[in-house]
Protein backbone atom coordinates (compact mmCIF):
# COMPACT_ATOMS: atom_id res chain seq x y z
CA MET A 1 -1.87 17.51 10.74
CA LEU A 2 -3.63 15.19 7.97
CA LYS A 3 -6.35 17.29 7.43
CA LYS A 4 -4.00 20.67 7.12
CA ILE A 5 -2.22 18.20 4.79
CA ILE A 6 -5.91 16.92 2.55
CA LEU A 7 -7.47 20.86 2.16
CA ALA A 8 -3.77 22.38 0.77
CA SER A 9 -3.15 19.23 -1.49
CA LEU A 10 -7.12 19.61 -2.91
CA PHE A 11 -6.37 23.59 -3.20
CA THR A 12 -3.20 22.92 -5.54
CA CYS A 13 -5.61 20.19 -7.39
CA SER A 14 -8.00 23.40 -7.79
CA ILE A 15 -5.37 25.70 -9.36
CA PRO A 16 -6.02 23.93 -12.98
CA ILE A 17 -9.59 24.95 -12.92
CA LEU A 18 -8.54 28.97 -12.88
CA ALA A 19 -6.03 28.18 -15.42
CA PHE A 20 -7.09 26.85 -19.11
CA SER A 21 -6.49 22.98 -18.55
CA GLN A 22 -6.14 20.82 -21.35
CA SER A 23 -8.13 18.46 -20.34
CA HIS A 24 -10.08 16.90 -17.06
CA GLU A 25 -10.03 13.29 -16.26
CA LEU A 26 -12.10 10.95 -13.74
CA ARG A 27 -10.81 7.15 -13.74
CA VAL A 28 -12.10 4.59 -11.67
CA GLY A 29 -9.55 1.42 -11.08
CA ILE A 30 -8.97 -1.67 -9.48
CA THR A 31 -5.49 -2.56 -8.07
CA SER A 32 -3.43 -5.38 -7.02
CA GLY A 33 0.89 -5.85 -6.49
CA SER A 34 2.56 -7.15 -3.72
CA SER A 35 4.37 -5.31 -0.24
CA ASN A 36 6.89 -6.30 2.33
CA PHE A 37 8.73 -4.63 4.88
CA THR A 38 12.17 -3.93 4.82
CA GLY A 39 14.34 -2.92 7.69
CA PRO A 40 16.47 -4.08 9.75
CA GLY A 41 13.62 -5.38 11.69
CA SER A 42 11.74 -7.14 9.26
CA ASP A 43 12.39 -11.24 9.07
CA SER A 44 12.02 -14.33 7.01
CA ARG A 45 11.28 -16.09 9.89
CA SER A 46 9.37 -15.76 13.38
CA PHE A 47 7.87 -17.86 15.91
CA LEU A 48 4.26 -18.12 17.49
CA ASN A 49 3.85 -16.58 21.04
CA GLY A 50 0.86 -17.26 23.67
CA SER A 51 -0.26 -21.17 24.82
CA SER A 52 -3.20 -22.03 22.80
CA PRO A 53 -5.21 -20.78 19.37
CA GLN A 54 -6.95 -17.99 20.57
CA ASP A 55 -4.06 -15.84 22.19
CA TYR A 56 -1.66 -17.26 19.14
CA TYR A 57 0.27 -14.11 18.06
CA THR A 58 3.59 -13.65 15.73
CA ASN A 59 6.44 -12.52 17.34
CA ASN A 60 7.81 -10.81 14.90
CA PRO A 61 4.82 -10.11 12.25
CA PHE A 62 7.05 -8.22 9.96
CA GLY A 63 7.92 -10.47 6.55
CA VAL A 64 10.07 -9.86 4.14
CA LYS A 65 7.95 -12.21 1.91
CA TYR A 66 5.70 -10.52 0.06
CA GLY A 67 1.94 -10.66 0.07
CA ILE A 68 -0.49 -10.33 -2.93
CA ASN A 69 -2.63 -6.41 -2.24
CA LEU A 70 -6.21 -6.14 -3.71
CA GLY A 71 -7.82 -2.37 -3.71
CA GLY A 72 -9.79 0.14 -5.86
CA ALA A 73 -9.33 2.97 -6.36
CA ILE A 74 -11.06 6.58 -8.03
CA ASN A 75 -8.65 8.62 -9.70
CA TYR A 76 -8.85 12.69 -10.81
CA ARG A 77 -6.36 14.90 -12.86
CA TYR A 78 -5.63 17.99 -14.82
CA VAL A 79 -3.62 18.40 -18.16
CA PHE A 80 -2.08 21.51 -19.19
CA SER A 81 -1.41 22.33 -22.03
CA ASN A 82 2.23 21.80 -21.78
CA ASN A 83 1.15 18.39 -20.60
CA PHE A 84 1.99 18.62 -17.14
CA LEU A 85 -0.55 17.43 -14.51
CA LEU A 86 -1.25 17.53 -11.46
CA GLY A 87 -3.92 14.95 -9.37
CA VAL A 88 -5.06 12.99 -6.56
CA GLU A 89 -6.65 9.29 -5.84
CA GLY A 90 -8.24 7.89 -3.18
CA ALA A 91 -8.45 3.93 -2.54
CA PHE A 92 -9.30 1.12 -0.25
CA GLU A 93 -6.07 -1.03 0.38
CA ARG A 94 -6.23 -4.16 1.46
CA LEU A 95 -2.08 -4.81 1.91
CA GLN A 96 -0.38 -7.93 3.16
CA THR A 97 2.83 -9.27 3.85
CA LYS A 98 3.72 -13.00 5.32
CA ILE A 99 6.66 -14.63 7.46
CA TYR A 100 7.34 -18.16 7.74
CA LEU A 101 6.85 -19.79 11.19
CA GLN A 102 9.58 -22.35 12.90
CA SER A 103 9.17 -23.43 16.59
CA LEU A 104 11.24 -22.67 19.11
CA GLU A 105 13.74 -25.07 20.38
CA ASN A 106 11.73 -28.45 22.10
CA THR A 107 8.84 -27.38 21.03
CA ASN A 108 7.14 -30.19 18.46
CA ASN A 109 8.82 -29.26 15.55
CA ILE A 110 6.04 -26.32 14.15
CA ILE A 111 5.80 -25.12 10.85
CA GLY A 112 3.18 -22.77 8.88
CA MET A 113 3.03 -18.87 8.49
CA THR A 114 2.06 -15.94 8.85
CA LYS A 115 -0.38 -13.40 6.44
CA LEU A 116 -0.03 -10.08 7.86
CA ASN A 117 -3.62 -8.06 6.02
CA GLN A 118 -3.29 -4.38 5.94
CA GLN A 119 -6.41 -2.21 5.91
CA PHE A 120 -5.96 1.59 4.94
CA LEU A 121 -7.80 4.61 3.58
CA ASN A 122 -5.55 5.88 1.08
CA PHE A 123 -5.00 9.56 0.00
CA ASN A 124 -2.57 10.53 -3.01
CA PRO A 125 -2.66 13.69 -3.96
CA PHE A 126 0.15 14.05 -7.17
CA ILE A 127 3.03 15.97 -10.01
CA GLY A 128 3.27 14.40 -13.47
CA TYR A 129 3.97 15.02 -16.83
CA ARG A 130 2.53 13.63 -20.40
CA PHE A 131 4.23 11.97 -22.95
CA SER A 132 2.49 11.46 -26.82
CA PHE A 133 3.30 8.33 -28.54
CA GLU A 134 -0.08 8.24 -30.67
CA PRO A 135 -2.45 6.43 -30.27
CA ILE A 136 -1.18 5.88 -26.55
CA THR A 137 0.19 8.45 -24.40
CA LEU A 138 2.34 7.82 -20.90
CA ASP A 139 2.33 9.65 -17.60
CA MET A 140 4.84 9.53 -15.30
CA GLN A 141 3.99 11.07 -12.11
CA LEU A 142 5.03 11.12 -8.25
CA GLY A 143 3.61 11.72 -5.20
CA VAL A 144 3.13 10.48 -2.05
CA ASP A 145 0.73 7.91 -0.50
CA ILE A 146 -1.02 9.63 3.54
CA ALA A 147 -2.25 5.80 4.20
CA ASN A 148 -5.04 5.83 7.27
CA THR A 149 -5.03 2.66 8.98
CA LEU A 150 -8.09 1.12 9.35
CA GLN A 151 -7.07 -2.54 10.54
CA ILE A 152 -3.73 -5.26 10.94
CA LYS A 153 -4.57 -8.48 11.41
CA GLU A 154 -2.54 -11.32 11.29
CA LYS A 155 -3.70 -14.58 9.76
CA GLY A 156 -2.19 -18.02 9.70
CA SER A 157 -1.22 -21.61 9.82
CA ILE A 158 0.69 -24.30 12.08
CA GLU A 159 1.69 -27.71 11.50
CA ASP A 160 3.04 -29.87 13.70
CA ASN A 161 5.47 -33.05 13.23
CA LYS A 162 2.54 -35.34 13.53
CA GLY A 163 0.49 -33.54 10.45
CA ASN A 164 -1.94 -31.65 12.96
CA GLU A 165 -3.17 -28.48 11.49
CA THR A 166 -4.11 -25.50 13.22
CA GLU A 167 -5.23 -21.80 12.06
CA PHE A 168 -5.36 -18.77 13.49
CA GLU A 169 -6.35 -14.54 13.81
CA LYS A 170 -4.87 -12.39 15.82
CA ASP A 171 -6.87 -8.75 15.31
CA ARG A 172 -3.29 -6.41 15.81
CA GLY A 173 -5.83 -3.43 15.73
CA LYS A 174 -4.06 0.34 15.27
CA ASP A 175 -0.87 -1.37 17.21
CA PHE A 176 1.31 -0.94 14.54
CA MET A 177 0.95 2.29 12.79
CA LYS A 178 -1.96 4.85 12.76
CA MET A 179 -0.80 6.22 9.46
CA ASP A 180 1.64 5.85 7.09
CA LEU A 181 3.50 8.36 4.20
CA ARG A 182 4.83 7.33 1.25
CA PRO A 183 6.49 8.33 -1.60
CA ARG A 184 4.99 7.44 -4.98
CA LEU A 185 6.61 6.73 -8.30
CA GLN A 186 4.00 5.52 -11.30
CA PHE A 187 4.18 5.39 -14.98
CA ASN A 188 0.57 4.90 -16.02
CA VAL A 189 -0.03 3.89 -19.71
CA ASN A 190 -3.01 5.21 -21.79
CA TYR A 191 -5.29 3.90 -24.51
CA ASP A 192 -8.75 5.33 -25.71
CA ARG A 193 -10.63 5.11 -21.69
CA TYR A 194 -8.09 2.50 -20.90
CA THR A 195 -5.28 2.91 -18.53
CA VAL A 196 -2.44 -0.06 -17.38
CA PHE A 197 -0.01 0.93 -14.69
CA ALA A 198 2.86 0.15 -12.56
CA GLY A 199 4.04 1.89 -8.76
CA TYR A 200 6.10 1.65 -6.35
CA ALA A 201 5.82 3.50 -3.09
CA TRP A 202 8.63 3.39 0.09
CA GLY A 203 6.84 2.96 3.72
CA THR A 204 8.78 6.28 6.02
CA LYS A 205 7.16 5.31 8.59
CA ASN A 206 8.74 2.67 11.26
CA TYR A 207 6.30 0.48 12.40
CA LYS A 208 8.20 -0.93 15.45
CA GLY A 209 7.93 2.79 16.47
CA GLU A 210 5.77 2.41 19.57
CA MET A 211 6.20 -1.23 20.85
CA ASP A 212 7.08 -1.71 23.51
CA GLY A 213 11.67 -2.25 24.02
CA ALA A 214 11.52 -1.28 19.73
CA SER A 215 14.54 0.80 19.42
CA SER A 216 15.80 2.72 16.16
CA SER A 217 18.00 -0.26 15.08
CA ASP A 218 14.93 -2.19 15.03
CA ALA A 219 13.14 -0.18 12.27
CA THR A 220 11.44 -1.56 9.95
CA ARG A 221 8.83 0.08 6.60
CA LEU A 222 6.37 -0.82 4.36
CA ASN A 223 6.91 -0.99 0.69
CA VAL A 224 4.58 -1.36 -2.10
CA PHE A 225 4.37 -2.43 -5.25
CA ARG A 226 0.77 -2.18 -7.16
CA LEU A 227 -0.09 -2.70 -11.17
CA GLY A 228 -3.37 -1.97 -12.13
CA LEU A 229 -6.50 -1.16 -14.13
CA GLN A 230 -8.16 1.94 -15.19
CA PHE A 231 -11.71 3.13 -17.13
CA GLN A 232 -12.20 6.84 -17.56
CA LEU A 233 -15.04 8.08 -17.07
CA LEU A 234 -14.87 11.57 -19.04
CA ARG A 235 -12.98 11.84 -22.33
CA PRO A 236 -10.84 13.93 -23.03
CA SER A 237 -11.94 18.05 -23.49
CA LEU A 238 -8.96 20.06 -24.80
CA GLN A 239 -9.41 23.61 -24.82
């Protein structure tokens, strides 16, 4: 299914080559921002399972607290003479969320935090429109993130009532999510060869869908806010 979506998107983005597009643009960039989980299955606090740091893991790692994202991307788009545009972006991203940890009753008053780090290869086909405000332009684009999971790993630390701190890591593999689909709205401000952008993507896949004992009432989804900077490798060529 994923291959069909990618092939269809590439075919769609190739149409402007046959129509006399105003310009073609290739950019590379870096991305930051934040992400968090929403839905009834997400929470602000959870607790640890396991009897030692080697087998600790967070009971509910889907935190509503925002973490810091990092990534890099390459972006290719066509702009028509009527200012409509079609494009596609490929990116590697590490998205992070956080959740506080607290102890159960009678367990040394443990407190701490878990960071859930997720690595994705992200494919984003999009359409949009360009507004001109010389010497800058503004692109408004709407697309979808097709995010293929590479790794999901939690990293956390806890502290007991005596001040002793313990760190732990747990590789969750792809247990929660193999591929996420996220509708994405983004705005780009372009000046010369530089672009500053901000965007938001809404997760549609339930991270608890494949967990034992989970129900639809526990649905939790990952939302992503992005800020970034891009540099244009190819200058626009008017036709």
